């Protein structure tokens, strides 16, 4: 809600039009300097 800037995100993996199921990805969601949400991301408490 307030603290983190990265997450290990579980998502359905698609490649070549085929779903390969749940996999983990590292995704940044806040700016490292301003701590504001990055473009395309909604995040909150």
ModelCIF file with pLDDT and N, C-alpha, C, O atoms, coordinates in Angstrom:
data_MODEL
#
_entry.id   MODEL 
#
_entity.id                         1 
_entity.type                       polymer 
_entity.pdbx_number_of_molecules   1 
#
_entity_poly.entity_id                      1 
_entity_poly.type                           'polypeptide(L)' 
_entity_poly.nstd_linkage                   no 
_entity_poly.nstd_monomer                   no 
_entity_poly.pdbx_seq_one_letter_code       
;(UNK)(UNK)(UNK)(UNK)(UNK)(UNK)(UNK)(UNK)(UNK)(UNK)(UNK)(UNK)(UNK)(UNK)(UNK)(UNK)
(UNK)(UNK)(UNK)(UNK)(UNK)(UNK)(UNK)(UNK)(UNK)(UNK)(UNK)(UNK)(UNK)(UNK)(UNK)(UNK)
(UNK)(UNK)(UNK)(UNK)(UNK)(UNK)(UNK)(UNK)(UNK)(UNK)(UNK)(UNK)(UNK)
;
_entity_poly.pdbx_seq_one_letter_code_can   XXXXXXXXXXXXXXXXXXXXXXXXXXXXXXXXXXXXXXXXXXXXX 
_entity_poly.pdbx_strand_id                 A 
#
loop_
_entity_poly_seq.entity_id 
_entity_poly_seq.num 
_entity_poly_seq.mon_id 
_entity_poly_seq.hetero 
1 1  UNK n 
1 2  UNK n 
1 3  UNK n 
1 4  UNK n 
1 5  UNK n 
1 6  UNK n 
1 7  UNK n 
1 8  UNK n 
1 9  UNK n 
1 10 UNK n 
1 11 UNK n 
1 12 UNK n 
1 13 UNK n 
1 14 UNK n 
1 15 UNK n 
1 16 UNK n 
1 17 UNK n 
1 18 UNK n 
1 19 UNK n 
1 20 UNK n 
1 21 UNK n 
1 22 UNK n 
1 23 UNK n 
1 24 UNK n 
1 25 UNK n 
1 26 UNK n 
1 27 UNK n 
1 28 UNK n 
1 29 UNK n 
1 30 UNK n 
1 31 UNK n 
1 32 UNK n 
1 33 UNK n 
1 34 UNK n 
1 35 UNK n 
1 36 UNK n 
1 37 UNK n 
1 38 UNK n 
1 39 UNK n 
1 40 UNK n 
1 41 UNK n 
1 42 UNK n 
1 43 UNK n 
1 44 UNK n 
1 45 UNK n 
#
_struct_asym.id          A 
_struct_asym.entity_id   1 
#
loop_
_ma_qa_metric.id 
_ma_qa_metric.mode 
_ma_qa_metric.name 
_ma_qa_metric.software_group_id 
_ma_qa_metric.type 
1 global pLDDT . pLDDT 
2 local  pLDDT . pLDDT 
#
_ma_qa_metric_global.metric_id      1 
_ma_qa_metric_global.metric_value   96.42 
_ma_qa_metric_global.model_id       1 
_ma_qa_metric_global.ordinal_id     1 
#
loop_
_ma_qa_metric_local.label_asym_id 
_ma_qa_metric_local.label_comp_id 
_ma_qa_metric_local.label_seq_id 
_ma_qa_metric_local.metric_id 
_ma_qa_metric_local.metric_value 
_ma_qa_metric_local.model_id 
_ma_qa_metric_local.ordinal_id 
A UNK 1  2 95.00 1 1  
A UNK 2  2 95.00 1 2  
A UNK 3  2 96.00 1 3  
A UNK 4  2 97.00 1 4  
A UNK 5  2 97.00 1 5  
A UNK 6  2 98.00 1 6  
A UNK 7  2 97.00 1 7  
A UNK 8  2 96.00 1 8  
A UNK 9  2 97.00 1 9  
A UNK 10 2 96.00 1 10 
A UNK 11 2 97.00 1 11 
A UNK 12 2 97.00 1 12 
A UNK 13 2 97.00 1 13 
A UNK 14 2 97.00 1 14 
A UNK 15 2 97.00 1 15 
A UNK 16 2 93.00 1 16 
A UNK 17 2 93.00 1 17 
A UNK 18 2 96.00 1 18 
A UNK 19 2 97.00 1 19 
A UNK 20 2 96.00 1 20 
A UNK 21 2 94.00 1 21 
A UNK 22 2 93.00 1 22 
A UNK 23 2 95.00 1 23 
A UNK 24 2 95.00 1 24 
A UNK 25 2 97.00 1 25 
A UNK 26 2 98.00 1 26 
A UNK 27 2 98.00 1 27 
A UNK 28 2 98.00 1 28 
A UNK 29 2 98.00 1 29 
A UNK 30 2 97.00 1 30 
A UNK 31 2 97.00 1 31 
A UNK 32 2 96.00 1 32 
A UNK 33 2 95.00 1 33 
A UNK 34 2 97.00 1 34 
A UNK 35 2 97.00 1 35 
A UNK 36 2 97.00 1 36 
A UNK 37 2 97.00 1 37 
A UNK 38 2 98.00 1 38 
A UNK 39 2 97.00 1 39 
A UNK 40 2 97.00 1 40 
A UNK 41 2 98.00 1 41 
A UNK 42 2 97.00 1 42 
A UNK 43 2 97.00 1 43 
A UNK 44 2 96.00 1 44 
A UNK 45 2 96.00 1 45 
#
loop_
_atom_site.group_PDB 
_atom_site.id 
_atom_site.type_symbol 
_atom_site.label_atom_id 
_atom_site.label_alt_id 
_atom_site.label_comp_id 
_atom_site.label_asym_id 
_atom_site.label_entity_id 
_atom_site.label_seq_id 
_atom_site.pdbx_PDB_ins_code 
_atom_site.Cartn_x 
_atom_site.Cartn_y 
_atom_site.Cartn_z 
_atom_site.occupancy 
_atom_site.B_iso_or_equiv 
_atom_site.pdbx_formal_charge 
_atom_site.auth_seq_id 
_atom_site.auth_comp_id 
_atom_site.auth_asym_id 
_atom_site.auth_atom_id 
_atom_site.pdbx_PDB_model_num 
ATOM 1   N N  . UNK A 1 1  ? 0.790  -1.231  0.000   1.00 95.00 ? 1  UNK A N  1 
ATOM 2   C CA . UNK A 1 1  ? 0.000  0.000   0.000   1.00 95.00 ? 1  UNK A CA 1 
ATOM 3   C C  . UNK A 1 1  ? 0.818  1.275   0.000   1.00 95.00 ? 1  UNK A C  1 
ATOM 4   O O  . UNK A 1 1  ? 0.472  2.228   -0.697  1.00 95.00 ? 1  UNK A O  1 
ATOM 5   N N  . UNK A 1 2  ? 1.902  1.311   0.771   1.00 95.00 ? 2  UNK A N  1 
ATOM 6   C CA . UNK A 1 2  ? 2.706  2.527   0.892   1.00 95.00 ? 2  UNK A CA 1 
ATOM 7   C C  . UNK A 1 2  ? 4.192  2.285   0.690   1.00 95.00 ? 2  UNK A C  1 
ATOM 8   O O  . UNK A 1 2  ? 4.907  3.195   0.269   1.00 95.00 ? 2  UNK A O  1 
ATOM 9   N N  . UNK A 1 3  ? 4.674  1.090   0.977   1.00 96.00 ? 3  UNK A N  1 
ATOM 10  C CA . UNK A 1 3  ? 6.095  0.895   1.241   1.00 96.00 ? 3  UNK A CA 1 
ATOM 11  C C  . UNK A 1 3  ? 6.922  0.453   0.046   1.00 96.00 ? 3  UNK A C  1 
ATOM 12  O O  . UNK A 1 3  ? 7.964  1.048   -0.229  1.00 96.00 ? 3  UNK A O  1 
ATOM 13  N N  . UNK A 1 4  ? 6.489  -0.565  -0.665  1.00 97.00 ? 4  UNK A N  1 
ATOM 14  C CA . UNK A 1 4  ? 7.357  -1.243  -1.619  1.00 97.00 ? 4  UNK A CA 1 
ATOM 15  C C  . UNK A 1 4  ? 7.446  -0.528  -2.965  1.00 97.00 ? 4  UNK A C  1 
ATOM 16  O O  . UNK A 1 4  ? 6.608  0.305   -3.308  1.00 97.00 ? 4  UNK A O  1 
ATOM 17  N N  . UNK A 1 5  ? 8.498  -0.885  -3.719  1.00 97.00 ? 5  UNK A N  1 
ATOM 18  C CA . UNK A 1 5  ? 8.638  -0.354  -5.081  1.00 97.00 ? 5  UNK A CA 1 
ATOM 19  C C  . UNK A 1 5  ? 8.752  -1.456  -6.131  1.00 97.00 ? 5  UNK A C  1 
ATOM 20  O O  . UNK A 1 5  ? 8.715  -1.165  -7.327  1.00 97.00 ? 5  UNK A O  1 
ATOM 21  N N  . UNK A 1 6  ? 8.888  -2.700  -5.716  1.00 98.00 ? 6  UNK A N  1 
ATOM 22  C CA . UNK A 1 6  ? 8.937  -3.842  -6.618  1.00 98.00 ? 6  UNK A CA 1 
ATOM 23  C C  . UNK A 1 6  ? 8.051  -4.959  -6.061  1.00 98.00 ? 6  UNK A C  1 
ATOM 24  O O  . UNK A 1 6  ? 7.721  -4.984  -4.875  1.00 98.00 ? 6  UNK A O  1 
ATOM 25  N N  . UNK A 1 7  ? 7.679  -5.876  -6.952  1.00 97.00 ? 7  UNK A N  1 
ATOM 26  C CA . UNK A 1 7  ? 6.899  -7.045  -6.532  1.00 97.00 ? 7  UNK A CA 1 
ATOM 27  C C  . UNK A 1 7  ? 7.247  -8.241  -7.390  1.00 97.00 ? 7  UNK A C  1 
ATOM 28  O O  . UNK A 1 7  ? 7.530  -8.112  -8.582  1.00 97.00 ? 7  UNK A O  1 
ATOM 29  N N  . UNK A 1 8  ? 7.222  -9.415  -6.763  1.00 96.00 ? 8  UNK A N  1 
ATOM 30  C CA . UNK A 1 8  ? 7.187  -10.656 -7.529  1.00 96.00 ? 8  UNK A CA 1 
ATOM 31  C C  . UNK A 1 8  ? 5.719  -10.896 -7.843  1.00 96.00 ? 8  UNK A C  1 
ATOM 32  O O  . UNK A 1 8  ? 4.914  -11.131 -6.942  1.00 96.00 ? 8  UNK A O  1 
ATOM 33  N N  . UNK A 1 9  ? 5.376  -10.835 -9.120  1.00 97.00 ? 9  UNK A N  1 
ATOM 34  C CA . UNK A 1 9  ? 3.984  -10.873 -9.561  1.00 97.00 ? 9  UNK A CA 1 
ATOM 35  C C  . UNK A 1 9  ? 3.698  -12.211 -10.231 1.00 97.00 ? 9  UNK A C  1 
ATOM 36  O O  . UNK A 1 9  ? 4.438  -12.631 -11.121 1.00 97.00 ? 9  UNK A O  1 
ATOM 37  N N  . UNK A 1 10 ? 2.633  -12.881 -9.810  1.00 96.00 ? 10 UNK A N  1 
ATOM 38  C CA . UNK A 1 10 ? 2.199  -14.109 -10.458 1.00 96.00 ? 10 UNK A CA 1 
ATOM 39  C C  . UNK A 1 10 ? 1.183  -13.778 -11.542 1.00 96.00 ? 10 UNK A C  1 
ATOM 40  O O  . UNK A 1 10 ? 0.193  -13.090 -11.297 1.00 96.00 ? 10 UNK A O  1 
ATOM 41  N N  . UNK A 1 11 ? 1.448  -14.283 -12.754 1.00 97.00 ? 11 UNK A N  1 
ATOM 42  C CA . UNK A 1 11 ? 0.590  -13.975 -13.892 1.00 97.00 ? 11 UNK A CA 1 
ATOM 43  C C  . UNK A 1 11 ? 0.547  -15.152 -14.854 1.00 97.00 ? 11 UNK A C  1 
ATOM 44  O O  . UNK A 1 11 ? 1.433  -16.007 -14.845 1.00 97.00 ? 11 UNK A O  1 
ATOM 45  N N  . UNK A 1 12 ? -0.493 -15.189 -15.683 1.00 97.00 ? 12 UNK A N  1 
ATOM 46  C CA . UNK A 1 12 ? -0.616 -16.197 -16.732 1.00 97.00 ? 12 UNK A CA 1 
ATOM 47  C C  . UNK A 1 12 ? 0.332  -15.824 -17.872 1.00 97.00 ? 12 UNK A C  1 
ATOM 48  O O  . UNK A 1 12 ? 0.241  -14.736 -18.441 1.00 97.00 ? 12 UNK A O  1 
ATOM 49  N N  . UNK A 1 13 ? 1.232  -16.735 -18.191 1.00 97.00 ? 13 UNK A N  1 
ATOM 50  C CA . UNK A 1 13 ? 2.239  -16.473 -19.222 1.00 97.00 ? 13 UNK A CA 1 
ATOM 51  C C  . UNK A 1 13 ? 1.705  -16.858 -20.605 1.00 97.00 ? 13 UNK A C  1 
ATOM 52  O O  . UNK A 1 13 ? 1.289  -17.995 -20.831 1.00 97.00 ? 13 UNK A O  1 
ATOM 53  N N  . UNK A 1 14 ? 1.725  -15.890 -21.522 1.00 97.00 ? 14 UNK A N  1 
ATOM 54  C CA . UNK A 1 14 ? 1.326  -16.129 -22.909 1.00 97.00 ? 14 UNK A CA 1 
ATOM 55  C C  . UNK A 1 14 ? 2.508  -15.857 -23.826 1.00 97.00 ? 14 UNK A C  1 
ATOM 56  O O  . UNK A 1 14 ? 3.183  -14.835 -23.706 1.00 97.00 ? 14 UNK A O  1 
ATOM 57  N N  . UNK A 1 15 ? 2.744  -16.775 -24.733 1.00 97.00 ? 15 UNK A N  1 
ATOM 58  C CA . UNK A 1 15 ? 3.729  -16.545 -25.786 1.00 97.00 ? 15 UNK A CA 1 
ATOM 59  C C  . UNK A 1 15 ? 3.304  -17.326 -27.015 1.00 97.00 ? 15 UNK A C  1 
ATOM 60  O O  . UNK A 1 15 ? 2.898  -18.484 -26.914 1.00 97.00 ? 15 UNK A O  1 
ATOM 61  N N  . UNK A 1 16 ? 3.398  -16.689 -28.182 1.00 93.00 ? 16 UNK A N  1 
ATOM 62  C CA . UNK A 1 16 ? 2.965  -17.330 -29.417 1.00 93.00 ? 16 UNK A CA 1 
ATOM 63  C C  . UNK A 1 16 ? 1.501  -17.693 -29.410 1.00 93.00 ? 16 UNK A C  1 
ATOM 64  O O  . UNK A 1 16 ? 1.094  -18.651 -30.067 1.00 93.00 ? 16 UNK A O  1 
ATOM 65  N N  . UNK A 1 17 ? 0.691  -16.929 -28.664 1.00 93.00 ? 17 UNK A N  1 
ATOM 66  C CA . UNK A 1 17 ? -0.737 -17.190 -28.610 1.00 93.00 ? 17 UNK A CA 1 
ATOM 67  C C  . UNK A 1 17 ? -1.153 -18.325 -27.699 1.00 93.00 ? 17 UNK A C  1 
ATOM 68  O O  . UNK A 1 17 ? -2.335 -18.663 -27.641 1.00 93.00 ? 17 UNK A O  1 
ATOM 69  N N  . UNK A 1 18 ? -0.209 -18.923 -26.983 1.00 96.00 ? 18 UNK A N  1 
ATOM 70  C CA . UNK A 1 18 ? -0.509 -20.049 -26.098 1.00 96.00 ? 18 UNK A CA 1 
ATOM 71  C C  . UNK A 1 18 ? -0.264 -19.678 -24.644 1.00 96.00 ? 18 UNK A C  1 
ATOM 72  O O  . UNK A 1 18 ? 0.710  -18.996 -24.324 1.00 96.00 ? 18 UNK A O  1 
ATOM 73  N N  . UNK A 1 19 ? -1.149 -20.129 -23.771 1.00 97.00 ? 19 UNK A N  1 
ATOM 74  C CA . UNK A 1 19 ? -0.990 -19.885 -22.334 1.00 97.00 ? 19 UNK A CA 1 
ATOM 75  C C  . UNK A 1 19 ? -0.208 -21.033 -21.711 1.00 97.00 ? 19 UNK A C  1 
ATOM 76  O O  . UNK A 1 19 ? -0.546 -22.201 -21.904 1.00 97.00 ? 19 UNK A O  1 
ATOM 77  N N  . UNK A 1 20 ? 0.818  -20.704 -20.977 1.00 96.00 ? 20 UNK A N  1 
ATOM 78  C CA . UNK A 1 20 ? 1.661  -21.706 -20.315 1.00 96.00 ? 20 UNK A CA 1 
ATOM 79  C C  . UNK A 1 20 ? 1.442  -21.729 -18.800 1.00 96.00 ? 20 UNK A C  1 
ATOM 80  O O  . UNK A 1 20 ? 2.240  -22.315 -18.068 1.00 96.00 ? 20 UNK A O  1 
ATOM 81  N N  . UNK A 1 21 ? 0.383  -21.105 -18.336 1.00 94.00 ? 21 UNK A N  1 
ATOM 82  C CA . UNK A 1 21 ? 0.070  -21.160 -16.917 1.00 94.00 ? 21 UNK A CA 1 
ATOM 83  C C  . UNK A 1 21 ? 0.760  -20.076 -16.100 1.00 94.00 ? 21 UNK A C  1 
ATOM 84  O O  . UNK A 1 21 ? 1.341  -19.133 -16.637 1.00 94.00 ? 21 UNK A O  1 
ATOM 85  N N  . UNK A 1 22 ? 0.676  -20.244 -14.796 1.00 93.00 ? 22 UNK A N  1 
ATOM 86  C CA . UNK A 1 22 ? 1.156  -19.223 -13.863 1.00 93.00 ? 22 UNK A CA 1 
ATOM 87  C C  . UNK A 1 22 ? 2.683  -19.235 -13.760 1.00 93.00 ? 22 UNK A C  1 
ATOM 88  O O  . UNK A 1 22 ? 3.300  -20.284 -13.577 1.00 93.00 ? 22 UNK A O  1 
ATOM 89  N N  . UNK A 1 23 ? 3.272  -18.057 -13.879 1.00 95.00 ? 23 UNK A N  1 
ATOM 90  C CA . UNK A 1 23 ? 4.711  -17.866 -13.706 1.00 95.00 ? 23 UNK A CA 1 
ATOM 91  C C  . UNK A 1 23 ? 4.946  -16.574 -12.922 1.00 95.00 ? 23 UNK A C  1 
ATOM 92  O O  . UNK A 1 23 ? 4.050  -15.743 -12.782 1.00 95.00 ? 23 UNK A O  1 
ATOM 93  N N  . UNK A 1 24 ? 6.162  -16.428 -12.420 1.00 95.00 ? 24 UNK A N  1 
ATOM 94  C CA . UNK A 1 24 ? 6.501  -15.276 -11.580 1.00 95.00 ? 24 UNK A CA 1 
ATOM 95  C C  . UNK A 1 24 ? 7.382  -14.287 -12.348 1.00 95.00 ? 24 UNK A C  1 
ATOM 96  O O  . UNK A 1 24 ? 8.250  -14.674 -13.130 1.00 95.00 ? 24 UNK A O  1 
ATOM 97  N N  . UNK A 1 25 ? 7.130  -13.000 -12.101 1.00 97.00 ? 25 UNK A N  1 
ATOM 98  C CA . UNK A 1 25 ? 7.853  -11.914 -12.765 1.00 97.00 ? 25 UNK A CA 1 
ATOM 99  C C  . UNK A 1 25 ? 8.195  -10.831 -11.747 1.00 97.00 ? 25 UNK A C  1 
ATOM 100 O O  . UNK A 1 25 ? 7.438  -10.591 -10.807 1.00 97.00 ? 25 UNK A O  1 
ATOM 101 N N  . UNK A 1 26 ? 9.338  -10.181 -11.942 1.00 98.00 ? 26 UNK A N  1 
ATOM 102 C CA . UNK A 1 26 ? 9.694  -9.036  -11.107 1.00 98.00 ? 26 UNK A CA 1 
ATOM 103 C C  . UNK A 1 26 ? 9.215  -7.777  -11.821 1.00 98.00 ? 26 UNK A C  1 
ATOM 104 O O  . UNK A 1 26 ? 9.603  -7.507  -12.958 1.00 98.00 ? 26 UNK A O  1 
ATOM 105 N N  . UNK A 1 27 ? 8.369  -7.016  -11.139 1.00 98.00 ? 27 UNK A N  1 
ATOM 106 C CA . UNK A 1 27 ? 7.796  -5.821  -11.754 1.00 98.00 ? 27 UNK A CA 1 
ATOM 107 C C  . UNK A 1 27 ? 7.963  -4.639  -10.804 1.00 98.00 ? 27 UNK A C  1 
ATOM 108 O O  . UNK A 1 27 ? 7.606  -4.726  -9.629  1.00 98.00 ? 27 UNK A O  1 
ATOM 109 N N  . UNK A 1 28 ? 8.502  -3.546  -11.308 1.00 98.00 ? 28 UNK A N  1 
ATOM 110 C CA . UNK A 1 28 ? 8.616  -2.310  -10.526 1.00 98.00 ? 28 UNK A CA 1 
ATOM 111 C C  . UNK A 1 28 ? 7.301  -1.550  -10.624 1.00 98.00 ? 28 UNK A C  1 
ATOM 112 O O  . UNK A 1 28 ? 6.723  -1.441  -11.705 1.00 98.00 ? 28 UNK A O  1 
ATOM 113 N N  . UNK A 1 29 ? 6.824  -1.020  -9.493  1.00 98.00 ? 29 UNK A N  1 
ATOM 114 C CA . UNK A 1 29 ? 5.563  -0.283  -9.540  1.00 98.00 ? 29 UNK A CA 1 
ATOM 115 C C  . UNK A 1 29 ? 5.668  1.151   -9.030  1.00 98.00 ? 29 UNK A C  1 
ATOM 116 O O  . UNK A 1 29 ? 4.725  1.925   -9.194  1.00 98.00 ? 29 UNK A O  1 
ATOM 117 N N  . UNK A 1 30 ? 6.792  1.524   -8.416  1.00 97.00 ? 30 UNK A N  1 
ATOM 118 C CA . UNK A 1 30 ? 6.962  2.909   -7.981  1.00 97.00 ? 30 UNK A CA 1 
ATOM 119 C C  . UNK A 1 30 ? 8.317  3.444   -8.432  1.00 97.00 ? 30 UNK A C  1 
ATOM 120 O O  . UNK A 1 30 ? 9.289  2.698   -8.557  1.00 97.00 ? 30 UNK A O  1 
ATOM 121 N N  . UNK A 1 31 ? 8.360  4.760   -8.676  1.00 97.00 ? 31 UNK A N  1 
ATOM 122 C CA . UNK A 1 31 ? 9.597  5.424   -9.066  1.00 97.00 ? 31 UNK A CA 1 
ATOM 123 C C  . UNK A 1 31 ? 10.600 5.368   -7.918  1.00 97.00 ? 31 UNK A C  1 
ATOM 124 O O  . UNK A 1 31 ? 10.232 5.583   -6.763  1.00 97.00 ? 31 UNK A O  1 
ATOM 125 N N  . UNK A 1 32 ? 11.845 5.086   -8.222  1.00 96.00 ? 32 UNK A N  1 
ATOM 126 C CA . UNK A 1 32 ? 12.857 4.925   -7.187  1.00 96.00 ? 32 UNK A CA 1 
ATOM 127 C C  . UNK A 1 32 ? 13.241 6.244   -6.530  1.00 96.00 ? 32 UNK A C  1 
ATOM 128 O O  . UNK A 1 32 ? 13.785 6.237   -5.425  1.00 96.00 ? 32 UNK A O  1 
ATOM 129 N N  . UNK A 1 33 ? 12.977 7.362   -7.170  1.00 95.00 ? 33 UNK A N  1 
ATOM 130 C CA . UNK A 1 33 ? 13.315 8.674   -6.603  1.00 95.00 ? 33 UNK A CA 1 
ATOM 131 C C  . UNK A 1 33 ? 12.112 9.325   -5.928  1.00 95.00 ? 33 UNK A C  1 
ATOM 132 O O  . UNK A 1 33 ? 12.205 9.789   -4.791  1.00 95.00 ? 33 UNK A O  1 
ATOM 133 N N  . UNK A 1 34 ? 10.981 9.357   -6.636  1.00 97.00 ? 34 UNK A N  1 
ATOM 134 C CA . UNK A 1 34 ? 9.802  10.073  -6.116  1.00 97.00 ? 34 UNK A CA 1 
ATOM 135 C C  . UNK A 1 34 ? 8.850  9.169   -5.340  1.00 97.00 ? 34 UNK A C  1 
ATOM 136 O O  . UNK A 1 34 ? 8.008  9.660   -4.588  1.00 97.00 ? 34 UNK A O  1 
ATOM 137 N N  . UNK A 1 35 ? 8.974  7.864   -5.512  1.00 97.00 ? 35 UNK A N  1 
ATOM 138 C CA . UNK A 1 35 ? 8.092  6.862   -4.903  1.00 97.00 ? 35 UNK A CA 1 
ATOM 139 C C  . UNK A 1 35 ? 6.654  6.966   -5.439  1.00 97.00 ? 35 UNK A C  1 
ATOM 140 O O  . UNK A 1 35 ? 5.731  6.409   -4.845  1.00 97.00 ? 35 UNK A O  1 
ATOM 141 N N  . UNK A 1 36 ? 6.470  7.664   -6.536  1.00 97.00 ? 36 UNK A N  1 
ATOM 142 C CA . UNK A 1 36 ? 5.154  7.762   -7.154  1.00 97.00 ? 36 UNK A CA 1 
ATOM 143 C C  . UNK A 1 36 ? 4.914  6.565   -8.076  1.00 97.00 ? 36 UNK A C  1 
ATOM 144 O O  . UNK A 1 36 ? 5.871  5.997   -8.602  1.00 97.00 ? 36 UNK A O  1 
ATOM 145 N N  . UNK A 1 37 ? 3.643  6.171   -8.282  1.00 97.00 ? 37 UNK A N  1 
ATOM 146 C CA . UNK A 1 37 ? 3.353  5.055   -9.187  1.00 97.00 ? 37 UNK A CA 1 
ATOM 147 C C  . UNK A 1 37 ? 3.880  5.322   -10.593 1.00 97.00 ? 37 UNK A C  1 
ATOM 148 O O  . UNK A 1 37 ? 3.799  6.444   -11.091 1.00 97.00 ? 37 UNK A O  1 
ATOM 149 N N  . UNK A 1 38 ? 4.412  4.302   -11.217 1.00 98.00 ? 38 UNK A N  1 
ATOM 150 C CA . UNK A 1 38 ? 4.911  4.417   -12.581 1.00 98.00 ? 38 UNK A CA 1 
ATOM 151 C C  . UNK A 1 38 ? 3.750  4.472   -13.567 1.00 98.00 ? 38 UNK A C  1 
ATOM 152 O O  . UNK A 1 38 ? 2.633  4.078   -13.230 1.00 98.00 ? 38 UNK A O  1 
ATOM 153 N N  . UNK A 1 39 ? 4.000  4.954   -14.779 1.00 97.00 ? 39 UNK A N  1 
ATOM 154 C CA . UNK A 1 39 ? 2.933  5.020   -15.791 1.00 97.00 ? 39 UNK A CA 1 
ATOM 155 C C  . UNK A 1 39 ? 2.295  3.654   -16.028 1.00 97.00 ? 39 UNK A C  1 
ATOM 156 O O  . UNK A 1 39 ? 2.985  2.639   -16.118 1.00 97.00 ? 39 UNK A O  1 
ATOM 157 N N  . UNK A 1 40 ? 0.985  3.648   -16.124 1.00 97.00 ? 40 UNK A N  1 
ATOM 158 C CA . UNK A 1 40 ? 0.253  2.417   -16.375 1.00 97.00 ? 40 UNK A CA 1 
ATOM 159 C C  . UNK A 1 40 ? -0.030 1.596   -15.141 1.00 97.00 ? 40 UNK A C  1 
ATOM 160 O O  . UNK A 1 40 ? -0.559 0.489   -15.240 1.00 97.00 ? 40 UNK A O  1 
ATOM 161 N N  . UNK A 1 41 ? 0.313  2.117   -13.983 1.00 98.00 ? 41 UNK A N  1 
ATOM 162 C CA . UNK A 1 41 ? 0.148  1.349   -12.746 1.00 98.00 ? 41 UNK A CA 1 
ATOM 163 C C  . UNK A 1 41 ? -0.712 2.113   -11.739 1.00 98.00 ? 41 UNK A C  1 
ATOM 164 O O  . UNK A 1 41 ? -0.475 3.290   -11.465 1.00 98.00 ? 41 UNK A O  1 
ATOM 165 N N  . UNK A 1 42 ? -1.701 1.428   -11.200 1.00 97.00 ? 42 UNK A N  1 
ATOM 166 C CA . UNK A 1 42 ? -2.489 1.938   -10.081 1.00 97.00 ? 42 UNK A CA 1 
ATOM 167 C C  . UNK A 1 42 ? -2.094 1.135   -8.849  1.00 97.00 ? 42 UNK A C  1 
ATOM 168 O O  . UNK A 1 42 ? -2.139 -0.095  -8.874  1.00 97.00 ? 42 UNK A O  1 
ATOM 169 N N  . UNK A 1 43 ? -1.716 1.802   -7.789  1.00 97.00 ? 43 UNK A N  1 
ATOM 170 C CA . UNK A 1 43 ? -1.303 1.109   -6.573  1.00 97.00 ? 43 UNK A CA 1 
ATOM 171 C C  . UNK A 1 43 ? -1.699 1.936   -5.370  1.00 97.00 ? 43 UNK A C  1 
ATOM 172 O O  . UNK A 1 43 ? -1.622 3.164   -5.403  1.00 97.00 ? 43 UNK A O  1 
ATOM 173 N N  . UNK A 1 44 ? -2.127 1.263   -4.296  1.00 96.00 ? 44 UNK A N  1 
ATOM 174 C CA . UNK A 1 44 ? -2.509 1.980   -3.085  1.00 96.00 ? 44 UNK A CA 1 
ATOM 175 C C  . UNK A 1 44 ? -2.842 1.032   -1.957  1.00 96.00 ? 44 UNK A C  1 
ATOM 176 O O  . UNK A 1 44 ? -2.704 -0.184  -2.086  1.00 96.00 ? 44 UNK A O  1 
ATOM 177 N N  . UNK A 1 45 ? -3.284 1.603   -0.843  1.00 96.00 ? 45 UNK A N  1 
ATOM 178 C CA . UNK A 1 45 ? -3.591 0.857   0.377   1.00 96.00 ? 45 UNK A CA 1 
ATOM 179 C C  . UNK A 1 45 ? -5.055 0.425   0.356   1.00 96.00 ? 45 UNK A C  1 
ATOM 180 O O  . UNK A 1 45 ? -5.522 -0.219  1.295   1.00 96.00 ? 45 UNK A O  1 
#
